[in-house]
PDB file of N, CA and C in Angstrom:
ATOM      1  N   UNK A   1      16.654   2.581   6.758  1.00  0.00           N
ATOM      2  CA  UNK A   1      15.191   2.242   6.437  1.00  0.00           C
ATOM      3  C   UNK A   1      14.469   3.045   6.382  1.00  0.00           C
ATOM      4  N   UNK A   2      13.244   2.816   5.516  1.00  0.00           N
ATOM      5  CA  UNK A   2      12.779   4.314   5.020  1.00  0.00           C
ATOM      6  C   UNK A   2      11.550   4.207   6.274  1.00  0.00           C
ATOM      7  N   UNK A   3      11.292   5.414   6.085  1.00  0.00           N
ATOM      8  CA  UNK A   3      10.279   6.436   6.791  1.00  0.00           C
ATOM      9  C   UNK A   3       8.673   5.269   6.809  1.00  0.00           C
ATOM     10  N   UNK A   4       8.358   4.775   5.675  1.00  0.00           N
ATOM     11  CA  UNK A   4       7.225   4.397   5.367  1.00  0.00           C
ATOM     12  C   UNK A   4       6.554   2.860   6.060  1.00  0.00           C
ATOM     13  N   UNK A   5       6.728   2.052   6.299  1.00  0.00           N
ATOM     14  CA  UNK A   5       7.109   1.071   6.592  1.00  0.00           C
ATOM     15  C   UNK A   5       7.574   0.710   8.142  1.00  0.00           C
ATOM     16  N   UNK A   6       7.180   0.628   8.792  1.00  0.00           N
ATOM     17  CA  UNK A   6       7.693  -0.695  10.396  1.00  0.00           C
ATOM     18  C   UNK A   6       7.059  -2.249   9.871  1.00  0.00           C
ATOM     19  N   UNK A   7       8.733  -2.760  10.933  1.00  0.00           N
ATOM     20  CA  UNK A   7       8.322  -4.725  10.177  1.00  0.00           C
ATOM     21  C   UNK A   7       8.165  -4.860  11.969  1.00  0.00           C
ATOM     22  N   UNK A   8       7.509  -5.479  12.173  1.00  0.00           N
ATOM     23  CA  UNK A   8       7.242  -6.717  13.790  1.00  0.00           C
ATOM     24  C   UNK A   8       7.400  -7.379  13.399  1.00  0.00           C
ATOM     25  N   UNK A   9       9.157  -7.765  13.075  1.00  0.00           N
ATOM     26  CA  UNK A   9       9.149 -10.078  13.053  1.00  0.00           C
ATOM     27  C   UNK A   9       8.562 -10.666  14.153  1.00  0.00           C
ATOM     28  N   UNK A  10       8.552 -10.222  14.949  1.00  0.00           N
ATOM     29  CA  UNK A  10       7.463 -11.476  16.481  1.00  0.00           C
ATOM     30  C   UNK A  10       5.948 -11.325  15.834  1.00  0.00           C
ATOM     31  N   UNK A  11       5.441 -10.847  15.601  1.00  0.00           N
ATOM     32  CA  UNK A  11       4.179 -11.063  14.762  1.00  0.00           C
ATOM     33  C   UNK A  11       4.576 -10.708  13.159  1.00  0.00           C
ATOM     34  N   UNK A  12       4.699 -11.471  12.998  1.00  0.00           N
ATOM     35  CA  UNK A  12       5.093 -11.368  11.121  1.00  0.00           C
ATOM     36  C   UNK A  12       4.575  -9.970  10.103  1.00  0.00           C
ATOM     37  N   UNK A  13       4.522  -8.799  10.911  1.00  0.00           N
ATOM     38  CA  UNK A  13       3.750  -7.659  10.559  1.00  0.00           C
ATOM     39  C   UNK A  13       4.688  -6.702  10.008  1.00  0.00           C
ATOM     40  N   UNK A  14       4.286  -6.100   8.715  1.00  0.00           N
ATOM     41  CA  UNK A  14       5.017  -5.320   8.392  1.00  0.00           C
ATOM     42  C   UNK A  14       3.180  -4.253   8.610  1.00  0.00           C
ATOM     43  N   UNK A  15       3.862  -3.064   8.809  1.00  0.00           N
ATOM     44  CA  UNK A  15       2.381  -1.528   8.711  1.00  0.00           C
ATOM     45  C   UNK A  15       2.875  -0.373   6.845  1.00  0.00           C
ATOM     46  N   UNK A  16       1.995  -0.636   7.088  1.00  0.00           N
ATOM     47  CA  UNK A  16       2.458   0.788   5.390  1.00  0.00           C
ATOM     48  C   UNK A  16       2.216   1.949   5.545  1.00  0.00           C
ATOM     49  N   UNK A  17       3.172   3.097   5.385  1.00  0.00           N
ATOM     50  CA  UNK A  17       2.017   4.324   5.346  1.00  0.00           C
ATOM     51  C   UNK A  17       2.076   5.175   4.083  1.00  0.00           C
ATOM     52  N   UNK A  18       0.669   5.176   3.387  1.00  0.00           N
ATOM     53  CA  UNK A  18       0.619   5.525   2.207  1.00  0.00           C
ATOM     54  C   UNK A  18      -0.110   6.750   1.722  1.00  0.00           C
ATOM     55  N   UNK A  19      -0.128   7.403   0.827  1.00  0.00           N
ATOM     56  CA  UNK A  19      -0.187   8.375   0.442  1.00  0.00           C
ATOM     57  C   UNK A  19      -1.077   7.518  -0.806  1.00  0.00           C
ATOM     58  N   UNK A  20      -2.990   8.159  -1.138  1.00  0.00           N
ATOM     59  CA  UNK A  20      -2.993   7.718  -2.333  1.00  0.00           C
ATOM     60  C   UNK A  20      -3.469   9.092  -2.944  1.00  0.00           C
ATOM     61  N   UNK A  21      -3.419   8.450  -4.232  1.00  0.00           N
ATOM     62  CA  UNK A  21      -4.236   9.556  -5.483  1.00  0.00           C
ATOM     63  C   UNK A  21      -5.006   8.685  -6.462  1.00  0.00           C
ATOM     64  N   UNK A  22      -6.245   8.378  -5.472  1.00  0.00           N
ATOM     65  CA  UNK A  22      -7.104   7.791  -6.899  1.00  0.00           C
ATOM     66  C   UNK A  22      -7.459   7.885  -7.865  1.00  0.00           C
ATOM     67  N   UNK A  23      -8.421   7.531  -8.960  1.00  0.00           N
ATOM     68  CA  UNK A  23      -8.795   8.095  -9.849  1.00  0.00           C
ATOM     69  C   UNK A  23      -8.007   8.809 -10.991  1.00  0.00           C
ATOM     70  N   UNK A  24      -5.904   7.873 -10.413  1.00  0.00           N
ATOM     71  CA  UNK A  24      -5.695   7.965 -11.012  1.00  0.00           C
ATOM     72  C   UNK A  24      -5.486   7.062 -13.383  1.00  0.00           C
ATOM     73  N   UNK A  25      -4.219   7.449 -13.789  1.00  0.00           N
ATOM     74  CA  UNK A  25      -5.029   6.398 -15.312  1.00  0.00           C
ATOM     75  C   UNK A  25      -4.528   5.580 -15.012  1.00  0.00           C
ATOM     76  N   UNK A  26      -3.780   4.556 -13.416  1.00  0.00           N
ATOM     77  CA  UNK A  26      -3.478   3.038 -13.624  1.00  0.00           C
ATOM     78  C   UNK A  26      -2.930   2.843 -12.238  1.00  0.00           C
ATOM     79  N   UNK A  27      -3.541   2.304 -11.367  1.00  0.00           N
ATOM     80  CA  UNK A  27      -2.525   1.646 -10.805  1.00  0.00           C
ATOM     81  C   UNK A  27      -1.316   1.463 -10.151  1.00  0.00           C
ATOM     82  N   UNK A  28      -0.745   2.061  -9.681  1.00  0.00           N
ATOM     83  CA  UNK A  28       0.884   1.772  -9.783  1.00  0.00           C
ATOM     84  C   UNK A  28       1.363   2.073  -8.896  1.00  0.00           C
ATOM     85  N   UNK A  29       2.715   3.032  -8.103  1.00  0.00           N
ATOM     86  CA  UNK A  29       3.531   2.324  -7.245  1.00  0.00           C
ATOM     87  C   UNK A  29       4.063   3.942  -7.242  1.00  0.00           C
ATOM     88  N   UNK A  30       4.296   5.388  -7.156  1.00  0.00           N
ATOM     89  CA  UNK A  30       4.271   6.550  -7.379  1.00  0.00           C
ATOM     90  C   UNK A  30       5.955   7.018  -6.743  1.00  0.00           C
ATOM     91  N   UNK A  31       6.120   6.010  -5.883  1.00  0.00           N
ATOM     92  CA  UNK A  31       7.631   6.787  -5.204  1.00  0.00           C
ATOM     93  C   UNK A  31       6.663   8.130  -3.806  1.00  0.00           C
ATOM     94  N   UNK A  32       8.038   7.976  -3.501  1.00  0.00           N
ATOM     95  CA  UNK A  32       7.713   8.469  -1.960  1.00  0.00           C
ATOM     96  C   UNK A  32       7.232   9.449  -2.188  1.00  0.00           C
ATOM     97  N   UNK A  33       6.339   9.960  -0.676  1.00  0.00           N
ATOM     98  CA  UNK A  33       5.635  11.471  -0.427  1.00  0.00           C
ATOM     99  C   UNK A  33       5.834  11.540   0.585  1.00  0.00           C
ATOM    100  N   UNK A  34       6.936  12.320   0.513  1.00  0.00           N
ATOM    101  CA  UNK A  34       7.421  12.406   2.260  1.00  0.00           C
ATOM    102  C   UNK A  34       7.964  11.555   2.955  1.00  0.00           C
ATOM    103  N   UNK A  35       6.767  11.457   4.637  1.00  0.00           N
ATOM    104  CA  UNK A  35       7.224   9.458   5.212  1.00  0.00           C
ATOM    105  C   UNK A  35       5.795   9.297   4.644  1.00  0.00           C
ATOM    106  N   UNK A  36       5.857   9.012   3.518  1.00  0.00           N
ATOM    107  CA  UNK A  36       4.760   7.875   3.021  1.00  0.00           C
ATOM    108  C   UNK A  36       5.352   7.233   1.843  1.00  0.00           C
ATOM    109  N   UNK A  37       4.735   6.738   1.205  1.00  0.00           N
ATOM    110  CA  UNK A  37       4.895   5.287   0.014  1.00  0.00           C
ATOM    111  C   UNK A  37       3.739   6.607  -0.990  1.00  0.00           C
ATOM    112  N   UNK A  38       3.277   6.805  -2.105  1.00  0.00           N
ATOM    113  CA  UNK A  38       2.554   6.952  -2.788  1.00  0.00           C
ATOM    114  C   UNK A  38       1.650   6.258  -4.558  1.00  0.00           C
ATOM    115  N   UNK A  39       0.963   6.616  -4.151  1.00  0.00           N
ATOM    116  CA  UNK A  39       0.444   4.776  -4.762  1.00  0.00           C
ATOM    117  C   UNK A  39      -0.634   5.147  -5.456  1.00  0.00           C
ATOM    118  N   UNK A  40      -0.526   5.278  -6.378  1.00  0.00           N
ATOM    119  CA  UNK A  40      -1.796   6.121  -7.316  1.00  0.00           C
ATOM    120  C   UNK A  40      -3.243   4.487  -7.794  1.00  0.00           C
ATOM    121  N   UNK A  41      -4.129   4.758  -7.511  1.00  0.00           N
ATOM    122  CA  UNK A  41      -5.415   4.064  -8.067  1.00  0.00           C
ATOM    123  C   UNK A  41      -6.051   4.064  -8.998  1.00  0.00           C
ATOM    124  N   UNK A  42      -6.040   3.561 -10.113  1.00  0.00           N
ATOM    125  CA  UNK A  42      -7.313   3.363 -11.153  1.00  0.00           C
ATOM    126  C   UNK A  42      -8.376   4.317 -10.707  1.00  0.00           C
ATOM    127  N   UNK A  43      -9.524   3.351  -9.393  1.00  0.00           N
ATOM    128  CA  UNK A  43     -10.027   3.311  -9.199  1.00  0.00           C
ATOM    129  C   UNK A  43     -10.950   4.283  -9.158  1.00  0.00           C
ATOM    130  N   UNK A  44     -12.209   4.509  -7.941  1.00  0.00           N
ATOM    131  CA  UNK A  44     -12.142   6.414  -8.234  1.00  0.00           C
ATOM    132  C   UNK A  44     -13.129   6.066  -6.132  1.00  0.00           C
ATOM    133  N   UNK A  45     -12.488   6.907  -5.748  1.00  0.00           N
ATOM    134  CA  UNK A  45     -13.185   7.420  -3.932  1.00  0.00           C
ATOM    135  C   UNK A  45     -14.159   6.880  -4.572  1.00  0.00           C
ATOM    136  N   UNK A  46     -14.894   5.961  -5.043  1.00  0.00           N
ATOM    137  CA  UNK A  46     -16.788   6.691  -4.151  1.00  0.00           C
ATOM    138  C   UNK A  46     -17.123   5.290  -4.385  1.00  0.00           C
ATOM    139  N   UNK A  47     -17.425   4.367  -3.124  1.00  0.00           N
ATOM    140  CA  UNK A  47     -18.225   3.113  -2.616  1.00  0.00           C
ATOM    141  C   UNK A  47     -17.574   2.080  -2.312  1.00  0.00           C
ATOM    142  N   UNK A  48     -16.155   2.479  -1.922  1.00  0.00           N
ATOM    143  CA  UNK A  48     -14.995   2.187  -1.271  1.00  0.00           C
ATOM    144  C   UNK A  48     -14.276   1.345  -2.693  1.00  0.00           C
ATOM    145  N   UNK A  49     -14.334   1.739  -3.168  1.00  0.00           N
ATOM    146  CA  UNK A  49     -13.916   1.359  -4.979  1.00  0.00           C
ATOM    147  C   UNK A  49     -12.007   1.285  -4.858  1.00  0.00           C
ATOM    148  N   UNK A  50     -11.969   2.408  -4.507  1.00  0.00           N
ATOM    149  CA  UNK A  50      -9.749   2.987  -4.579  1.00  0.00           C
ATOM    150  C   UNK A  50      -9.668   1.711  -3.126  1.00  0.00           C
ATOM    151  N   UNK A  51      -9.823   1.815  -2.158  1.00  0.00           N
ATOM    152  CA  UNK A  51      -9.689   0.875  -1.333  1.00  0.00           C
ATOM    153  C   UNK A  51      -9.690  -0.585  -1.011  1.00  0.00           C
ATOM    154  N   UNK A  52     -10.494  -0.640  -1.866  1.00  0.00           N
ATOM    155  CA  UNK A  52     -10.505  -1.864  -2.318  1.00  0.00           C
ATOM    156  C   UNK A  52      -9.447  -3.028  -3.040  1.00  0.00           C
ATOM    157  N   UNK A  53      -8.982  -1.614  -4.119  1.00  0.00           N
ATOM    158  CA  UNK A  53      -7.897  -1.948  -4.711  1.00  0.00           C
ATOM    159  C   UNK A  53      -7.002  -1.264  -4.701  1.00  0.00           C
ATOM    160  N   UNK A  54      -7.109  -1.195  -3.145  1.00  0.00           N
ATOM    161  CA  UNK A  54      -5.352  -0.551  -2.840  1.00  0.00           C
ATOM    162  C   UNK A  54      -4.963  -2.070  -2.219  1.00  0.00           C
ATOM    163  N   UNK A  55      -6.405  -2.363  -1.173  1.00  0.00           N
ATOM    164  CA  UNK A  55      -6.281  -3.779  -0.228  1.00  0.00           C
ATOM    165  C   UNK A  55      -5.679  -4.890  -1.491  1.00  0.00           C
ATOM    166  N   UNK A  56      -5.723  -4.917  -2.308  1.00  0.00           N
ATOM    167  CA  UNK A  56      -5.844  -5.555  -3.356  1.00  0.00           C
ATOM    168  C   UNK A  56      -4.543  -5.686  -4.058  1.00  0.00           C
ATOM    169  N   UNK A  57      -3.951  -4.655  -4.920  1.00  0.00           N
ATOM    170  CA  UNK A  57      -3.138  -4.133  -5.418  1.00  0.00           C
ATOM    171  C   UNK A  57      -1.787  -4.479  -3.899  1.00  0.00           C
ATOM    172  N   UNK A  58      -2.031  -4.069  -3.105  1.00  0.00           N
ATOM    173  CA  UNK A  58      -0.790  -3.970  -1.912  1.00  0.00           C
ATOM    174  C   UNK A  58      -0.668  -5.986  -1.722  1.00  0.00           C
ATOM    175  N   UNK A  59      -1.708  -6.488  -1.348  1.00  0.00           N
ATOM    176  CA  UNK A  59      -1.869  -8.026  -1.456  1.00  0.00           C
ATOM    177  C   UNK A  59      -0.485  -8.365  -2.410  1.00  0.00           C
ATOM    178  N   UNK A  60      -0.903  -8.334  -3.657  1.00  0.00           N
ATOM    179  CA  UNK A  60       0.102  -8.957  -4.859  1.00  0.00           C
ATOM    180  C   UNK A  60       0.744  -8.596  -5.293  1.00  0.00           C
ATOM    181  N   UNK A  61       1.302  -7.475  -4.193  1.00  0.00           N
ATOM    182  CA  UNK A  61       2.857  -7.176  -4.558  1.00  0.00           C
ATOM    183  C   UNK A  61       3.110  -7.819  -3.788  1.00  0.00           C
ATOM    184  N   UNK A  62       2.614  -8.145  -2.748  1.00  0.00           N
ATOM    185  CA  UNK A  62       3.269  -9.160  -1.239  1.00  0.00           C
ATOM    186  C   UNK A  62       2.976 -10.252  -0.875  1.00  0.00           C
ATOM    187  N   UNK A  63       3.107 -10.467  -2.353  1.00  0.00           N
ATOM    188  CA  UNK A  63       2.796 -11.626  -2.395  1.00  0.00           C
ATOM    189  C   UNK A  63       1.811 -12.572  -1.160  1.00  0.00           C
ATOM    190  N   UNK A  64       0.628 -12.251  -0.851  1.00  0.00           N
ATOM    191  CA  UNK A  64      -0.354 -12.537   0.167  1.00  0.00           C
ATOM    192  C   UNK A  64      -1.932 -12.525   0.593  1.00  0.00           C
ATOM    193  N   UNK A  65      -2.403 -12.973   0.292  1.00  0.00           N
ATOM    194  CA  UNK A  65      -3.930 -12.674   0.276  1.00  0.00           C
ATOM    195  C   UNK A  65      -4.685 -11.492   0.560  1.00  0.00           C
ATOM    196  N   UNK A  66      -5.776 -11.259   0.013  1.00  0.00           N
ATOM    197  CA  UNK A  66      -6.574 -10.041   0.429  1.00  0.00           C
ATOM    198  C   UNK A  66      -6.695  -9.832   2.244  1.00  0.00           C
ATOM    199  N   UNK A  67      -6.943 -11.255   2.446  1.00  0.00           N
ATOM    200  CA  UNK A  67      -7.866 -10.813   3.626  1.00  0.00           C
ATOM    201  C   UNK A  67      -6.394 -10.675   4.657  1.00  0.00           C
ATOM    202  N   UNK A  68      -4.928 -11.046   4.002  1.00  0.00           N
ATOM    203  CA  UNK A  68      -4.448 -10.621   5.066  1.00  0.00           C
ATOM    204  C   UNK A  68      -3.623  -9.013   5.594  1.00  0.00           C
ATOM    205  N   UNK A  69      -3.980  -8.022   4.293  1.00  0.00           N
ATOM    206  CA  UNK A  69      -4.323  -6.717   4.035  1.00  0.00           C
ATOM    207  C   UNK A  69      -4.928  -6.355   5.270  1.00  0.00           C
ATOM    208  N   UNK A  70      -4.965  -5.151   5.901  1.00  0.00           N
ATOM    209  CA  UNK A  70      -6.399  -4.819   6.593  1.00  0.00           C
ATOM    210  C   UNK A  70      -6.012  -3.487   6.302  1.00  0.00           C
ATOM    211  N   UNK A  71      -6.892  -2.960   6.241  1.00  0.00           N
ATOM    212  CA  UNK A  71      -6.592  -0.849   6.169  1.00  0.00           C
ATOM    213  C   UNK A  71      -7.045  -0.729   7.906  1.00  0.00           C
ATOM    214  N   UNK A  72      -5.330  -0.643   8.580  1.00  0.00           N
ATOM    215  CA  UNK A  72      -5.964   0.462   9.553  1.00  0.00           C
ATOM    216  C   UNK A  72      -6.479   1.723  10.036  1.00  0.00           C
ATOM    217  N   UNK A  73      -6.309   2.304   8.863  1.00  0.00           N
ATOM    218  CA  UNK A  73      -6.665   4.164   9.517  1.00  0.00           C
ATOM    219  C   UNK A  73      -7.288   4.856   8.291  1.00  0.00           C
ATOM    220  N   UNK A  74      -7.643   5.195   7.615  1.00  0.00           N
ATOM    221  CA  UNK A  74      -7.789   6.383   6.860  1.00  0.00           C
ATOM    222  C   UNK A  74      -8.312   6.152   5.625  1.00  0.00           C
ATOM    223  N   UNK A  75      -9.939   5.660   6.472  1.00  0.00           N
ATOM    224  CA  UNK A  75     -10.306   4.849   4.948  1.00  0.00           C
ATOM    225  C   UNK A  75     -11.104   5.862   4.217  1.00  0.00           C
ATOM    226  N   UNK A  76     -11.792   7.127   5.380  1.00  0.00           N
ATOM    227  CA  UNK A  76     -12.316   8.445   4.140  1.00  0.00           C
ATOM    228  C   UNK A  76     -10.795   9.084   4.467  1.00  0.00           C
ATOM    229  N   UNK A  77      -9.685   8.971   4.077  1.00  0.00           N
ATOM    230  CA  UNK A  77      -8.757  10.012   3.309  1.00  0.00           C
ATOM    231  C   UNK A  77      -7.045  10.028   2.334  1.00  0.00           C
ATOM    232  N   UNK A  78      -7.357  10.444   2.427  1.00  0.00           N
ATOM    233  CA  UNK A  78      -6.159   9.981   1.186  1.00  0.00           C
ATOM    234  C   UNK A  78      -4.616   9.033   1.866  1.00  0.00           C
ATOM    235  N   UNK A  79      -4.606   9.910   3.184  1.00  0.00           N
ATOM    236  CA  UNK A  79      -3.684   8.974   3.898  1.00  0.00           C
ATOM    237  C   UNK A  79      -3.637   7.543   4.915  1.00  0.00           C
ATOM    238  N   UNK A  80      -3.748   6.846   4.654  1.00  0.00           N
ATOM    239  CA  UNK A  80      -3.913   5.939   4.338  1.00  0.00           C
ATOM    240  C   UNK A  80      -2.298   4.010   5.925  1.00  0.00           C
ATOM    241  N   UNK A  81      -2.885   4.239   6.381  1.00  0.00           N
ATOM    242  CA  UNK A  81      -2.191   3.093   6.861  1.00  0.00           C
ATOM    243  C   UNK A  81      -2.934   0.984   6.774  1.00  0.00           C
ATOM    244  N   UNK A  82      -2.371   0.934   6.508  1.00  0.00           N
ATOM    245  CA  UNK A  82      -2.227  -1.000   5.942  1.00  0.00           C
ATOM    246  C   UNK A  82      -1.521  -1.674   6.977  1.00  0.00           C
ATOM    247  N   UNK A  83      -2.260  -3.262   7.151  1.00  0.00           N
ATOM    248  CA  UNK A  83      -0.739  -4.226   7.574  1.00  0.00           C
ATOM    249  C   UNK A  83      -0.522  -4.988   7.345  1.00  0.00           C
ATOM    250  N   UNK A  84       0.557  -5.845   6.735  1.00  0.00           N
ATOM    251  CA  UNK A  84       0.867  -6.299   5.889  1.00  0.00           C
ATOM    252  C   UNK A  84       0.660  -7.666   6.691  1.00  0.00           C
ATOM    253  N   UNK A  85       0.184  -8.746   6.766  1.00  0.00           N
ATOM    254  CA  UNK A  85       0.038 -10.159   7.837  1.00  0.00           C
ATOM    255  C   UNK A  85       0.345 -11.242   6.456  1.00  0.00           C
ATOM    256  N   UNK A  86       2.109 -11.826   7.091  1.00  0.00           N
ATOM    257  CA  UNK A  86       2.698 -13.194   6.880  1.00  0.00           C
ATOM    258  C   UNK A  86       3.609 -12.985   5.117  1.00  0.00           C
ATOM    259  N   UNK A  87       3.969 -11.726   5.465  1.00  0.00           N
ATOM    260  CA  UNK A  87       4.612 -11.413   3.612  1.00  0.00           C
ATOM    261  C   UNK A  87       6.656 -11.770   3.926  1.00  0.00           C
ATOM    262  N   UNK A  88       6.940 -12.417   2.925  1.00  0.00           N
ATOM    263  CA  UNK A  88       8.525 -12.251   2.825  1.00  0.00           C
ATOM    264  C   UNK A  88       9.142 -11.561   2.626  1.00  0.00           C
ATOM    265  N   UNK A  89       8.463 -11.331   1.759  1.00  0.00           N
ATOM    266  CA  UNK A  89       8.550 -10.056   0.231  1.00  0.00           C
ATOM    267  C   UNK A  89       9.032  -8.332   1.077  1.00  0.00           C
ATOM    268  N   UNK A  90       9.985  -7.847   1.144  1.00  0.00           N
ATOM    269  CA  UNK A  90      10.762  -6.220   1.990  1.00  0.00           C
ATOM    270  C   UNK A  90       9.933  -5.577   1.109  1.00  0.00           C
ATOM    271  N   UNK A  91       9.328  -4.277   1.926  1.00  0.00           N
ATOM    272  CA  UNK A  91       8.294  -4.041   1.005  1.00  0.00           C
ATOM    273  C   UNK A  91       9.098  -2.946   0.194  1.00  0.00           C
ATOM    274  N   UNK A  92      10.699  -2.156  -0.234  1.00  0.00           N
ATOM    275  CA  UNK A  92      11.183  -1.664  -0.479  1.00  0.00           C
ATOM    276  C   UNK A  92      11.149  -2.447  -2.099  1.00  0.00           C
ATOM    277  N   UNK A  93      10.979  -4.303  -1.544  1.00  0.00           N
ATOM    278  CA  UNK A  93      11.171  -4.702  -3.038  1.00  0.00           C
ATOM    279  C   UNK A  93       9.694  -4.413  -4.222  1.00  0.00           C
ATOM    280  N   UNK A  94       8.767  -5.053  -2.622  1.00  0.00           N
ATOM    281  CA  UNK A  94       7.467  -4.630  -2.827  1.00  0.00           C
ATOM    282  C   UNK A  94       6.910  -3.963  -4.469  1.00  0.00           C
ATOM    283  N   UNK A  95       7.050  -2.441  -3.111  1.00  0.00           N
ATOM    284  CA  UNK A  95       6.986  -1.214  -3.563  1.00  0.00           C
ATOM    285  C   UNK A  95       7.425  -0.404  -4.047  1.00  0.00           C
ATOM    286  N   UNK A  96       8.104  -1.564  -5.517  1.00  0.00           N
ATOM    287  CA  UNK A  96       9.727  -0.732  -5.799  1.00  0.00           C
ATOM    288  C   UNK A  96       9.208   0.470  -7.146  1.00  0.00           C
ATOM    289  N   UNK A  97       9.603   1.685  -7.312  1.00  0.00           N
ATOM    290  CA  UNK A  97       8.830   2.166  -8.530  1.00  0.00           C
ATOM    291  C   UNK A  97       9.651   1.462  -9.595  1.00  0.00           C
ATOM    292  N   UNK A  98       8.838   0.666 -10.514  1.00  0.00           N
ATOM    293  CA  UNK A  98       9.273   0.266 -11.368  1.00  0.00           C
ATOM    294  C   UNK A  98      10.194   0.978 -12.845  1.00  0.00           C
ATOM    295  N   UNK A  99      10.908   0.773 -12.490  1.00  0.00           N
ATOM    296  CA  UNK A  99      12.248   1.514 -13.992  1.00  0.00           C
ATOM    297  C   UNK A  99      11.921   2.017 -15.030  1.00  0.00           C
ATOM    298  N   UNK A 100      12.105   2.924 -14.917  1.00  0.00           N
ATOM    299  CA  UNK A 100      11.719   4.359 -15.864  1.00  0.00           C
ATOM    300  C   UNK A 100      10.529   5.555 -15.960  1.00  0.00           C
ATOM    301  N   UNK A 101      10.538   5.253 -14.446  1.00  0.00           N
ATOM    302  CA  UNK A 101       9.249   5.929 -13.848  1.00  0.00           C
ATOM    303  C   UNK A 101      10.053   7.176 -13.142  1.00  0.00           C
TER     304      UNK A 101
END
């Protein structure tokens, strides 16, 4: 099991440890970053835009609505923790790095 997520099957939750890189060329999963998963975000870190894009990106990858993804910590940091509720998708599948990257 990867160290960048924790699953709580009794509550139907997945907690992700993420390192974000705002203002990238595109929003994408970039691979592991220590004990976190690195996600590049096209949005700048202004007016909460990067956090909003992160939540939308994670929700889409896990097949849940945005309201099912909560930013638990790291609102103004690159190191963030997110909670995903109600997804049957495994984190290694949802946040897999595309082939060729």
